[in-house]
Amino acid sequence: MKVRQLLVASLLSLGVCVAAAQMPGPGPGPRLSPEEKEKRCQANPEKCAQMKENMEKRRDEWKKKCDADPKACEEKKAQMKEKMEERREHREGMKEHMQNAPRPPAK
C-alpha cells in the first residue's frame, strides 16, 4: 500500500514539474500610463534614455526596410493586422466563455 502511495505521489509531482517547466516566462508586463512612464523615467533617466534610443533605432530600421521594399512592408503590415485581429477574436471568445462558465458555490 505504501509503495503505491509513494508511486502516485512521485508521478503527481513529476507532472507538476513538467507543467511548470513548460509555462512561458513573464511577458513584457502591463502597459503603463503616461504618468507612470514619466515617474519611471524620473527614477531612472539612463534606462529611459536607452529605451527611447532603442525604440528610435528600431523605428529607423523599419522605415529603411519599408523605403527599400514597400511591397514587403505592406505584406508584413497586413500579416500583423491579421494576427492582431485573431488575438482580439480569441480574447473576445475567452471573455464569452468565462461569462458562461459555471461558478463555484459560495462557501
PDB file of N, CA and C in Angstrom:
ATOM      1  N   MET A   1       0.824  -1.197   0.000  1.00  0.00           N
ATOM      2  CA  MET A   1       0.000   0.000   0.000  1.00  0.00           C
ATOM      3  C   MET A   1       0.867   1.259   0.000  1.00  0.00           C
ATOM      4  N   LYS A   2       1.901   1.286   0.832  1.00  0.00           N
ATOM      5  CA  LYS A   2       2.764   2.459   0.921  1.00  0.00           C
ATOM      6  C   LYS A   2       3.522   2.670  -0.384  1.00  0.00           C
ATOM      7  N   VAL A   3       3.887   1.580  -1.036  1.00  0.00           N
ATOM      8  CA  VAL A   3       4.618   1.689  -2.298  1.00  0.00           C
ATOM      9  C   VAL A   3       3.722   2.340  -3.342  1.00  0.00           C
ATOM     10  N   ARG A   4       2.464   1.950  -3.355  1.00  0.00           N
ATOM     11  CA  ARG A   4       1.512   2.531  -4.316  1.00  0.00           C
ATOM     12  C   ARG A   4       1.340   4.022  -4.050  1.00  0.00           C
ATOM     13  N   GLN A   5       1.215   4.420  -2.811  1.00  0.00           N
ATOM     14  CA  GLN A   5       1.075   5.833  -2.474  1.00  0.00           C
ATOM     15  C   GLN A   5       2.324   6.609  -2.861  1.00  0.00           C
ATOM     16  N   LEU A   6       3.483   6.038  -2.628  1.00  0.00           N
ATOM     17  CA  LEU A   6       4.735   6.681  -2.993  1.00  0.00           C
ATOM     18  C   LEU A   6       4.839   6.843  -4.505  1.00  0.00           C
ATOM     19  N   LEU A   7       4.432   5.816  -5.230  1.00  0.00           N
ATOM     20  CA  LEU A   7       4.469   5.875  -6.692  1.00  0.00           C
ATOM     21  C   LEU A   7       3.519   6.945  -7.220  1.00  0.00           C
ATOM     22  N   VAL A   8       2.315   7.007  -6.696  1.00  0.00           N
ATOM     23  CA  VAL A   8       1.339   8.011  -7.129  1.00  0.00           C
ATOM     24  C   VAL A   8       1.835   9.415  -6.796  1.00  0.00           C
ATOM     25  N   ALA A   9       2.367   9.600  -5.606  1.00  0.00           N
ATOM     26  CA  ALA A   9       2.863  10.920  -5.209  1.00  0.00           C
ATOM     27  C   ALA A   9       4.021  11.356  -6.109  1.00  0.00           C
ATOM     28  N   SER A  10       4.925  10.439  -6.424  1.00  0.00           N
ATOM     29  CA  SER A  10       6.055  10.816  -7.268  1.00  0.00           C
ATOM     30  C   SER A  10       5.607  11.125  -8.686  1.00  0.00           C
ATOM     31  N   LEU A  11       4.641  10.393  -9.220  1.00  0.00           N
ATOM     32  CA  LEU A  11       4.121  10.681 -10.554  1.00  0.00           C
ATOM     33  C   LEU A  11       3.402  12.027 -10.594  1.00  0.00           C
ATOM     34  N   LEU A  12       2.651  12.332  -9.550  1.00  0.00           N
ATOM     35  CA  LEU A  12       1.964  13.622  -9.492  1.00  0.00           C
ATOM     36  C   LEU A  12       2.966  14.771  -9.431  1.00  0.00           C
ATOM     37  N   SER A  13       3.995  14.623  -8.617  1.00  0.00           N
ATOM     38  CA  SER A  13       4.977  15.697  -8.516  1.00  0.00           C
ATOM     39  C   SER A  13       5.757  15.843  -9.830  1.00  0.00           C
ATOM     40  N   LEU A  14       5.998  14.750 -10.521  1.00  0.00           N
ATOM     41  CA  LEU A  14       6.661  14.814 -11.817  1.00  0.00           C
ATOM     42  C   LEU A  14       5.787  15.575 -12.814  1.00  0.00           C
ATOM     43  N   GLY A  15       4.491  15.317 -12.805  1.00  0.00           N
ATOM     44  CA  GLY A  15       3.569  16.021 -13.699  1.00  0.00           C
ATOM     45  C   GLY A  15       3.542  17.511 -13.425  1.00  0.00           C
ATOM     46  N   VAL A  16       3.558  17.891 -12.162  1.00  0.00           N
ATOM     47  CA  VAL A  16       3.559  19.311 -11.797  1.00  0.00           C
ATOM     48  C   VAL A  16       4.848  19.969 -12.264  1.00  0.00           C
ATOM     49  N   CYS A  17       5.966  19.276 -12.101  1.00  0.00           N
ATOM     50  CA  CYS A  17       7.250  19.840 -12.536  1.00  0.00           C
ATOM     51  C   CYS A  17       7.291  20.026 -14.049  1.00  0.00           C
ATOM     52  N   VAL A  18       6.782  19.062 -14.787  1.00  0.00           N
ATOM     53  CA  VAL A  18       6.764  19.163 -16.243  1.00  0.00           C
ATOM     54  C   VAL A  18       5.874  20.323 -16.668  1.00  0.00           C
ATOM     55  N   ALA A  19       4.714  20.471 -16.043  1.00  0.00           N
ATOM     56  CA  ALA A  19       3.800  21.561 -16.385  1.00  0.00           C
ATOM     57  C   ALA A  19       4.446  22.913 -16.073  1.00  0.00           C
ATOM     58  N   ALA A  20       5.134  23.010 -14.955  1.00  0.00           N
ATOM     59  CA  ALA A  20       5.774  24.267 -14.585  1.00  0.00           C
ATOM     60  C   ALA A  20       6.925  24.598 -15.532  1.00  0.00           C
ATOM     61  N   ALA A  21       7.615  23.585 -16.014  1.00  0.00           N
ATOM     62  CA  ALA A  21       8.737  23.813 -16.924  1.00  0.00           C
ATOM     63  C   ALA A  21       8.264  24.313 -18.278  1.00  0.00           C
ATOM     64  N   GLN A  22       7.033  23.989 -18.651  1.00  0.00           N
ATOM     65  CA  GLN A  22       6.519  24.375 -19.954  1.00  0.00           C
ATOM     66  C   GLN A  22       5.797  25.712 -19.944  1.00  0.00           C
ATOM     67  N   MET A  23       5.608  26.295 -18.780  1.00  0.00           N
ATOM     68  CA  MET A  23       4.914  27.571 -18.715  1.00  0.00           C
ATOM     69  C   MET A  23       5.807  28.667 -19.284  1.00  0.00           C
ATOM     70  N   PRO A  24       5.212  29.593 -20.039  1.00  0.00           N
ATOM     71  CA  PRO A  24       6.022  30.676 -20.601  1.00  0.00           C
ATOM     72  C   PRO A  24       6.495  31.614 -19.505  1.00  0.00           C
ATOM     73  N   GLY A  25       7.591  32.287 -19.786  1.00  0.00           N
ATOM     74  CA  GLY A  25       8.149  33.238 -18.834  1.00  0.00           C
ATOM     75  C   GLY A  25       7.317  34.501 -18.790  1.00  0.00           C
ATOM     76  N   PRO A  26       7.719  35.432 -17.968  1.00  0.00           N
ATOM     77  CA  PRO A  26       6.965  36.675 -17.878  1.00  0.00           C
ATOM     78  C   PRO A  26       7.030  37.451 -19.188  1.00  0.00           C
ATOM     79  N   GLY A  27       5.949  38.074 -19.528  1.00  0.00           N
ATOM     80  CA  GLY A  27       5.870  38.847 -20.760  1.00  0.00           C
ATOM     81  C   GLY A  27       6.413  40.247 -20.568  1.00  0.00           C
ATOM     82  N   PRO A  28       6.055  41.137 -21.455  1.00  0.00           N
ATOM     83  CA  PRO A  28       6.580  42.498 -21.358  1.00  0.00           C
ATOM     84  C   PRO A  28       6.030  43.270 -20.169  1.00  0.00           C
ATOM     85  N   GLY A  29       5.011  42.758 -19.543  1.00  0.00           N
ATOM     86  CA  GLY A  29       4.458  43.437 -18.380  1.00  0.00           C
ATOM     87  C   GLY A  29       3.262  44.287 -18.754  1.00  0.00           C
ATOM     88  N   PRO A  30       2.641  44.901 -17.761  1.00  0.00           N
ATOM     89  CA  PRO A  30       1.451  45.708 -18.037  1.00  0.00           C
ATOM     90  C   PRO A  30       1.807  46.998 -18.760  1.00  0.00           C
ATOM     91  N   ARG A  31       0.867  47.496 -19.503  1.00  0.00           N
ATOM     92  CA  ARG A  31       1.080  48.780 -20.182  1.00  0.00           C
ATOM     93  C   ARG A  31       0.948  49.889 -19.154  1.00  0.00           C
ATOM     94  N   LEU A  32       1.822  50.842 -19.264  1.00  0.00           N
ATOM     95  CA  LEU A  32       1.852  51.931 -18.291  1.00  0.00           C
ATOM     96  C   LEU A  32       1.189  53.179 -18.862  1.00  0.00           C
ATOM     97  N   SER A  33       0.577  53.919 -17.976  1.00  0.00           N
ATOM     98  CA  SER A  33       0.004  55.200 -18.379  1.00  0.00           C
ATOM     99  C   SER A  33       1.153  56.193 -18.574  1.00  0.00           C
ATOM    100  N   PRO A  34       0.893  57.291 -19.274  1.00  0.00           N
ATOM    101  CA  PRO A  34       1.954  58.298 -19.461  1.00  0.00           C
ATOM    102  C   PRO A  34       2.531  58.809 -18.139  1.00  0.00           C
ATOM    103  N   GLU A  35       1.670  58.939 -17.126  1.00  0.00           N
ATOM    104  CA  GLU A  35       2.151  59.421 -15.828  1.00  0.00           C
ATOM    105  C   GLU A  35       3.106  58.408 -15.199  1.00  0.00           C
ATOM    106  N   GLU A  36       2.752  57.122 -15.300  1.00  0.00           N
ATOM    107  CA  GLU A  36       3.616  56.084 -14.732  1.00  0.00           C
ATOM    108  C   GLU A  36       4.952  56.010 -15.489  1.00  0.00           C
ATOM    109  N   LYS A  37       4.897  56.162 -16.808  1.00  0.00           N
ATOM    110  CA  LYS A  37       6.127  56.171 -17.596  1.00  0.00           C
ATOM    111  C   LYS A  37       7.018  57.332 -17.172  1.00  0.00           C
ATOM    112  N   GLU A  38       6.414  58.482 -16.961  1.00  0.00           N
ATOM    113  CA  GLU A  38       7.179  59.658 -16.557  1.00  0.00           C
ATOM    114  C   GLU A  38       7.832  59.438 -15.193  1.00  0.00           C
ATOM    115  N   LYS A  39       7.102  58.813 -14.265  1.00  0.00           N
ATOM    116  CA  LYS A  39       7.671  58.528 -12.943  1.00  0.00           C
ATOM    117  C   LYS A  39       8.870  57.597 -13.068  1.00  0.00           C
ATOM    118  N   ARG A  40       8.740  56.567 -13.916  1.00  0.00           N
ATOM    119  CA  ARG A  40       9.850  55.633 -14.103  1.00  0.00           C
ATOM    120  C   ARG A  40      11.053  56.325 -14.735  1.00  0.00           C
ATOM    121  N   CYS A  41      10.780  57.225 -15.682  1.00  0.00           N
ATOM    122  CA  CYS A  41      11.879  57.945 -16.333  1.00  0.00           C
ATOM    123  C   CYS A  41      12.590  58.861 -15.342  1.00  0.00           C
ATOM    124  N   GLN A  42      11.837  59.459 -14.439  1.00  0.00           N
ATOM    125  CA  GLN A  42      12.452  60.329 -13.432  1.00  0.00           C
ATOM    126  C   GLN A  42      13.270  59.507 -12.452  1.00  0.00           C
ATOM    127  N   ALA A  43      12.803  58.290 -12.151  1.00  0.00           N
ATOM    128  CA  ALA A  43      13.516  57.438 -11.204  1.00  0.00           C
ATOM    129  C   ALA A  43      14.799  56.875 -11.810  1.00  0.00           C
ATOM    130  N   ASN A  44      14.798  56.606 -13.130  1.00  0.00           N
ATOM    131  CA  ASN A  44      15.969  56.015 -13.770  1.00  0.00           C
ATOM    132  C   ASN A  44      16.141  56.632 -15.164  1.00  0.00           C
ATOM    133  N   PRO A  45      16.690  57.834 -15.257  1.00  0.00           N
ATOM    134  CA  PRO A  45      16.782  58.516 -16.549  1.00  0.00           C
ATOM    135  C   PRO A  45      17.701  57.822 -17.556  1.00  0.00           C
ATOM    136  N   GLU A  46      18.744  57.121 -17.073  1.00  0.00           N
ATOM    137  CA  GLU A  46      19.651  56.435 -18.001  1.00  0.00           C
ATOM    138  C   GLU A  46      18.922  55.332 -18.753  1.00  0.00           C
ATOM    139  N   LYS A  47      18.179  54.528 -18.011  1.00  0.00           N
ATOM    140  CA  LYS A  47      17.439  53.425 -18.635  1.00  0.00           C
ATOM    141  C   LYS A  47      16.379  53.969 -19.583  1.00  0.00           C
ATOM    142  N   CYS A  48      15.733  55.034 -19.187  1.00  0.00           N
ATOM    143  CA  CYS A  48      14.700  55.653 -20.012  1.00  0.00           C
ATOM    144  C   CYS A  48      15.299  56.150 -21.326  1.00  0.00           C
ATOM    145  N   ALA A  49      16.445  56.803 -21.250  1.00  0.00           N
ATOM    146  CA  ALA A  49      17.104  57.305 -22.453  1.00  0.00           C
ATOM    147  C   ALA A  49      17.520  56.158 -23.360  1.00  0.00           C
ATOM    148  N   GLN A  50      18.010  55.082 -22.760  1.00  0.00           N
ATOM    149  CA  GLN A  50      18.418  53.914 -23.539  1.00  0.00           C
ATOM    150  C   GLN A  50      17.211  53.284 -24.245  1.00  0.00           C
ATOM    151  N   MET A  51      16.102  53.175 -23.540  1.00  0.00           N
ATOM    152  CA  MET A  51      14.892  52.603 -24.142  1.00  0.00           C
ATOM    153  C   MET A  51      14.406  53.469 -25.300  1.00  0.00           C
ATOM    154  N   LYS A  52      14.421  54.781 -25.107  1.00  0.00           N
ATOM    155  CA  LYS A  52      13.997  55.689 -26.181  1.00  0.00           C
ATOM    156  C   LYS A  52      14.920  55.572 -27.384  1.00  0.00           C
ATOM    157  N   GLU A  53      16.214  55.446 -27.135  1.00  0.00           N
ATOM    158  CA  GLU A  53      17.188  55.307 -28.210  1.00  0.00           C
ATOM    159  C   GLU A  53      16.959  54.002 -28.978  1.00  0.00           C
ATOM    160  N   ASN A  54      16.727  52.910 -28.243  1.00  0.00           N
ATOM    161  CA  ASN A  54      16.469  51.621 -28.900  1.00  0.00           C
ATOM    162  C   ASN A  54      15.182  51.673 -29.731  1.00  0.00           C
ATOM    163  N   MET A  55      14.161  52.320 -29.192  1.00  0.00           N
ATOM    164  CA  MET A  55      12.898  52.440 -29.913  1.00  0.00           C
ATOM    165  C   MET A  55      13.090  53.245 -31.201  1.00  0.00           C
ATOM    166  N   GLU A  56      13.844  54.316 -31.100  1.00  0.00           N
ATOM    167  CA  GLU A  56      14.108  55.155 -32.272  1.00  0.00           C
ATOM    168  C   GLU A  56      14.905  54.367 -33.319  1.00  0.00           C
ATOM    169  N   LYS A  57      15.863  53.573 -32.862  1.00  0.00           N
ATOM    170  CA  LYS A  57      16.671  52.769 -33.769  1.00  0.00           C
ATOM    171  C   LYS A  57      15.801  51.748 -34.511  1.00  0.00           C
ATOM    172  N   ARG A  58      14.913  51.073 -33.764  1.00  0.00           N
ATOM    173  CA  ARG A  58      14.014  50.090 -34.407  1.00  0.00           C
ATOM    174  C   ARG A  58      13.097  50.783 -35.411  1.00  0.00           C
ATOM    175  N   ARG A  59      12.612  51.950 -35.042  1.00  0.00           N
ATOM    176  CA  ARG A  59      11.725  52.695 -35.937  1.00  0.00           C
ATOM    177  C   ARG A  59      12.457  53.081 -37.223  1.00  0.00           C
ATOM    178  N   ASP A  60      13.706  53.531 -37.083  1.00  0.00           N
ATOM    179  CA  ASP A  60      14.504  53.905 -38.259  1.00  0.00           C
ATOM    180  C   ASP A  60      14.782  52.696 -39.152  1.00  0.00           C
ATOM    181  N   GLU A  61      15.104  51.552 -38.524  1.00  0.00           N
ATOM    182  CA  GLU A  61      15.353  50.332 -39.304  1.00  0.00           C
ATOM    183  C   GLU A  61      14.104  49.925 -40.072  1.00  0.00           C
ATOM    184  N   TRP A  62      12.960  49.994 -39.398  1.00  0.00           N
ATOM    185  CA  TRP A  62      11.691  49.638 -40.048  1.00  0.00           C
ATOM    186  C   TRP A  62      11.418  50.573 -41.225  1.00  0.00           C
ATOM    187  N   LYS A  63      11.667  51.853 -41.024  1.00  0.00           N
ATOM    188  CA  LYS A  63      11.433  52.833 -42.095  1.00  0.00           C
ATOM    189  C   LYS A  63      12.358  52.578 -43.281  1.00  0.00           C
ATOM    190  N   LYS A  64      13.627  52.267 -43.022  1.00  0.00           N
ATOM    191  CA  LYS A  64      14.569  51.967 -44.101  1.00  0.00           C
ATOM    192  C   LYS A  64      14.118  50.743 -44.892  1.00  0.00           C
ATOM    193  N   LYS A  65      13.662  49.711 -44.182  1.00  0.00           N
ATOM    194  CA  LYS A  65      13.191  48.499 -44.862  1.00  0.00           C
ATOM    195  C   LYS A  65      11.967  48.809 -45.713  1.00  0.00           C
ATOM    196  N   CYS A  66      11.076  49.625 -45.193  1.00  0.00           N
ATOM    197  CA  CYS A  66       9.863  49.974 -45.937  1.00  0.00           C
ATOM    198  C   CYS A  66      10.188  50.836 -47.153  1.00  0.00           C
ATOM    199  N   ASP A  67      11.147  51.729 -46.999  1.00  0.00           N
ATOM    200  CA  ASP A  67      11.546  52.568 -48.132  1.00  0.00           C
ATOM    201  C   ASP A  67      12.214  51.721 -49.213  1.00  0.00           C
ATOM    202  N   ALA A  68      12.987  50.700 -48.792  1.00  0.00           N
ATOM    203  CA  ALA A  68      13.703  49.853 -49.749  1.00  0.00           C
ATOM    204  C   ALA A  68      12.755  48.903 -50.478  1.00  0.00           C
ATOM    205  N   ASP A  69      11.766  48.355 -49.751  1.00  0.00           N
ATOM    206  CA  ASP A  69      10.847  47.380 -50.356  1.00  0.00           C
ATOM    207  C   ASP A  69       9.432  47.611 -49.831  1.00  0.00           C
ATOM    208  N   PRO A  70       8.704  48.569 -50.422  1.00  0.00           N
ATOM    209  CA  PRO A  70       7.370  48.902 -49.921  1.00  0.00           C
ATOM    210  C   PRO A  70       6.378  47.735 -49.989  1.00  0.00           C
ATOM    211  N   LYS A  71       6.521  46.888 -50.997  1.00  0.00           N
ATOM    212  CA  LYS A  71       5.590  45.762 -51.136  1.00  0.00           C
ATOM    213  C   LYS A  71       5.730  44.788 -49.971  1.00  0.00           C
ATOM    214  N   ALA A  72       6.960  44.447 -49.619  1.00  0.00           N
ATOM    215  CA  ALA A  72       7.197  43.545 -48.495  1.00  0.00           C
ATOM    216  C   ALA A  72       6.714  44.171 -47.192  1.00  0.00           C
ATOM    217  N   CYS A  73       6.883  45.478 -47.083  1.00  0.00           N
ATOM    218  CA  CYS A  73       6.448  46.201 -45.893  1.00  0.00           C
ATOM    219  C   CYS A  73       4.925  46.121 -45.748  1.00  0.00           C
ATOM    220  N   GLU A  74       4.216  46.333 -46.835  1.00  0.00           N
ATOM    221  CA  GLU A  74       2.749  46.255 -46.799  1.00  0.00           C
ATOM    222  C   GLU A  74       2.281  44.845 -46.455  1.00  0.00           C
ATOM    223  N   GLU A  75       2.979  43.826 -46.989  1.00  0.00           N
ATOM    224  CA  GLU A  75       2.625  42.443 -46.669  1.00  0.00           C
ATOM    225  C   GLU A  75       2.817  42.172 -45.179  1.00  0.00           C
ATOM    226  N   LYS A  76       3.920  42.659 -44.632  1.00  0.00           N
ATOM    227  CA  LYS A  76       4.200  42.470 -43.204  1.00  0.00           C
ATOM    228  C   LYS A  76       3.143  43.176 -42.354  1.00  0.00           C
ATOM    229  N   LYS A  77       2.759  44.387 -42.750  1.00  0.00           N
ATOM    230  CA  LYS A  77       1.715  45.114 -42.023  1.00  0.00           C
ATOM    231  C   LYS A  77       0.404  44.351 -42.060  1.00  0.00           C
ATOM    232  N   ALA A  78       0.069  43.772 -43.236  1.00  0.00           N
ATOM    233  CA  ALA A  78      -1.168  43.009 -43.363  1.00  0.00           C
ATOM    234  C   ALA A  78      -1.128  41.777 -42.465  1.00  0.00           C
ATOM    235  N   GLN A  79       0.022  41.102 -42.383  1.00  0.00           N
ATOM    236  CA  GLN A  79       0.157  39.948 -41.504  1.00  0.00           C
ATOM    237  C   GLN A  79      -0.017  40.353 -40.045  1.00  0.00           C
ATOM    238  N   MET A  80       0.575  41.478 -39.668  1.00  0.00           N
ATOM    239  CA  MET A  80       0.469  41.938 -38.286  1.00  0.00           C
ATOM    240  C   MET A  80      -0.983  42.277 -37.945  1.00  0.00           C
ATOM    241  N   LYS A  81      -1.694  42.931 -38.881  1.00  0.00           N
ATOM    242  CA  LYS A  81      -3.099  43.260 -38.642  1.00  0.00           C
ATOM    243  C   LYS A  81      -3.928  41.995 -38.489  1.00  0.00           C
ATOM    244  N   GLU A  82      -3.637  40.993 -39.310  1.00  0.00           N
ATOM    245  CA  GLU A  82      -4.373  39.735 -39.242  1.00  0.00           C
ATOM    246  C   GLU A  82      -4.144  39.048 -37.895  1.00  0.00           C
ATOM    247  N   LYS A  83      -2.889  39.027 -37.432  1.00  0.00           N
ATOM    248  CA  LYS A  83      -2.579  38.433 -36.136  1.00  0.00           C
ATOM    249  C   LYS A  83      -3.307  39.166 -35.014  1.00  0.00           C
ATOM    250  N   MET A  84      -3.297  40.498 -35.075  1.00  0.00           N
ATOM    251  CA  MET A  84      -3.975  41.282 -34.042  1.00  0.00           C
ATOM    252  C   MET A  84      -5.470  40.981 -34.036  1.00  0.00           C
ATOM    253  N   GLU A  85      -6.060  40.839 -35.214  1.00  0.00           N
ATOM    254  CA  GLU A  85      -7.487  40.529 -35.303  1.00  0.00           C
ATOM    255  C   GLU A  85      -7.772  39.144 -34.716  1.00  0.00           C
ATOM    256  N   GLU A  86      -6.905  38.165 -35.009  1.00  0.00           N
ATOM    257  CA  GLU A  86      -7.086  36.822 -34.451  1.00  0.00           C
ATOM    258  C   GLU A  86      -6.997  36.859 -32.929  1.00  0.00           C
ATOM    259  N   ARG A  87      -6.028  37.606 -32.409  1.00  0.00           N
ATOM    260  CA  ARG A  87      -5.881  37.708 -30.955  1.00  0.00           C
ATOM    261  C   ARG A  87      -7.102  38.368 -30.328  1.00  0.00           C
ATOM    262  N   ARG A  88      -7.616  39.414 -30.988  1.00  0.00           N
ATOM    263  CA  ARG A  88      -8.794  40.101 -30.460  1.00  0.00           C
ATOM    264  C   ARG A  88      -9.986  39.149 -30.435  1.00  0.00           C
ATOM    265  N   GLU A  89     -10.174  38.392 -31.517  1.00  0.00           N
ATOM    266  CA  GLU A  89     -11.277  37.441 -31.571  1.00  0.00           C
ATOM    267  C   GLU A  89     -11.120  36.375 -30.498  1.00  0.00           C
ATOM    268  N   HIS A  90      -9.882  35.914 -30.290  1.00  0.00           N
ATOM    269  CA  HIS A  90      -9.641  34.898 -29.267  1.00  0.00           C
ATOM    270  C   HIS A  90      -9.959  35.449 -27.878  1.00  0.00           C
ATOM    271  N   ARG A  91      -9.518  36.698 -27.607  1.00  0.00           N
ATOM    272  CA  ARG A  91      -9.815  37.322 -26.315  1.00  0.00           C
ATOM    273  C   ARG A  91     -11.309  37.445 -26.093  1.00  0.00           C
ATOM    274  N   GLU A  92     -12.026  37.878 -27.134  1.00  0.00           N
ATOM    275  CA  GLU A  92     -13.478  38.023 -27.002  1.00  0.00           C
ATOM    276  C   GLU A  92     -14.131  36.674 -26.756  1.00  0.00           C
ATOM    277  N   GLY A  93     -13.647  35.641 -27.439  1.00  0.00           N
ATOM    278  CA  GLY A  93     -14.172  34.297 -27.229  1.00  0.00           C
ATOM    279  C   GLY A  93     -13.921  33.815 -25.815  1.00  0.00           C
ATOM    280  N   MET A  94     -12.737  34.123 -25.285  1.00  0.00           N
ATOM    281  CA  MET A  94     -12.421  33.722 -23.916  1.00  0.00           C
ATOM    282  C   MET A  94     -13.290  34.468 -22.916  1.00  0.00           C
ATOM    283  N   LYS A  95     -13.537  35.750 -23.164  1.00  0.00           N
ATOM    284  CA  LYS A  95     -14.410  36.514 -22.273  1.00  0.00           C
ATOM    285  C   LYS A  95     -15.796  35.894 -22.245  1.00  0.00           C
ATOM    286  N   GLU A  96     -16.308  35.559 -23.418  1.00  0.00           N
ATOM    287  CA  GLU A  96     -17.641  34.966 -23.511  1.00  0.00           C
ATOM    288  C   GLU A  96     -17.654  33.614 -22.807  1.00  0.00           C
ATOM    289  N   HIS A  97     -16.600  32.839 -23.008  1.00  0.00           N
ATOM    290  CA  HIS A  97     -16.512  31.525 -22.360  1.00  0.00           C
ATOM    291  C   HIS A  97     -16.505  31.678 -20.839  1.00  0.00           C
ATOM    292  N   MET A  98     -15.752  32.640 -20.344  1.00  0.00           N
ATOM    293  CA  MET A  98     -15.650  32.836 -18.902  1.00  0.00           C
ATOM    294  C   MET A  98     -16.982  33.336 -18.321  1.00  0.00           C
ATOM    295  N   GLN A  99     -17.725  34.112 -19.076  1.00  0.00           N
ATOM    296  CA  GLN A  99     -19.009  34.595 -18.591  1.00  0.00           C
ATOM    297  C   GLN A  99     -20.017  33.462 -18.501  1.00  0.00           C
ATOM    298  N   ASN A 100     -19.886  32.487 -19.395  1.00  0.00           N
ATOM    299  CA  ASN A 100     -20.816  31.356 -19.406  1.00  0.00           C
ATOM    300  C   ASN A 100     -20.357  30.190 -18.559  1.00  0.00           C
ATOM    301  N   ALA A 101     -19.172  30.276 -17.999  1.00  0.00           N
ATOM    302  CA  ALA A 101     -18.627  29.177 -17.199  1.00  0.00           C
ATOM    303  C   ALA A 101     -19.403  29.058 -15.891  1.00  0.00           C
ATOM    304  N   PRO A 102     -19.582  27.827 -15.422  1.00  0.00           N
ATOM    305  CA  PRO A 102     -20.301  27.659 -14.148  1.00  0.00           C
ATOM    306  C   PRO A 102     -19.469  28.218 -12.997  1.00  0.00           C
ATOM    307  N   ARG A 103     -20.134  28.834 -12.063  1.00  0.00           N
ATOM    308  CA  ARG A 103     -19.484  29.444 -10.910  1.00  0.00           C
ATOM    309  C   ARG A 103     -19.438  28.425  -9.763  1.00  0.00           C
ATOM    310  N   PRO A 104     -18.349  28.416  -9.018  1.00  0.00           N
ATOM    311  CA  PRO A 104     -18.301  27.512  -7.843  1.00  0.00           C
ATOM    312  C   PRO A 104     -19.264  28.026  -6.778  1.00  0.00           C
ATOM    313  N   PRO A 105     -19.808  27.106  -6.013  1.00  0.00           N
ATOM    314  CA  PRO A 105     -20.751  27.545  -4.971  1.00  0.00           C
ATOM    315  C   PRO A 105     -20.037  28.373  -3.905  1.00  0.00           C
ATOM    316  N   ALA A 106     -20.731  29.346  -3.374  1.00  0.00           N
ATOM    317  CA  ALA A 106     -20.185  30.213  -2.323  1.00  0.00           C
ATOM    318  C   ALA A 106     -20.070  29.425  -1.036  1.00  0.00           C
ATOM    319  N   LYS A 107     -19.011  29.681  -0.296  1.00  0.00           N
ATOM    320  CA  LYS A 107     -18.792  28.960   0.966  1.00  0.00           C
ATOM    321  C   LYS A 107     -19.496  29.616   2.103  1.00  0.00           C
TER     322      LYS A 107
END
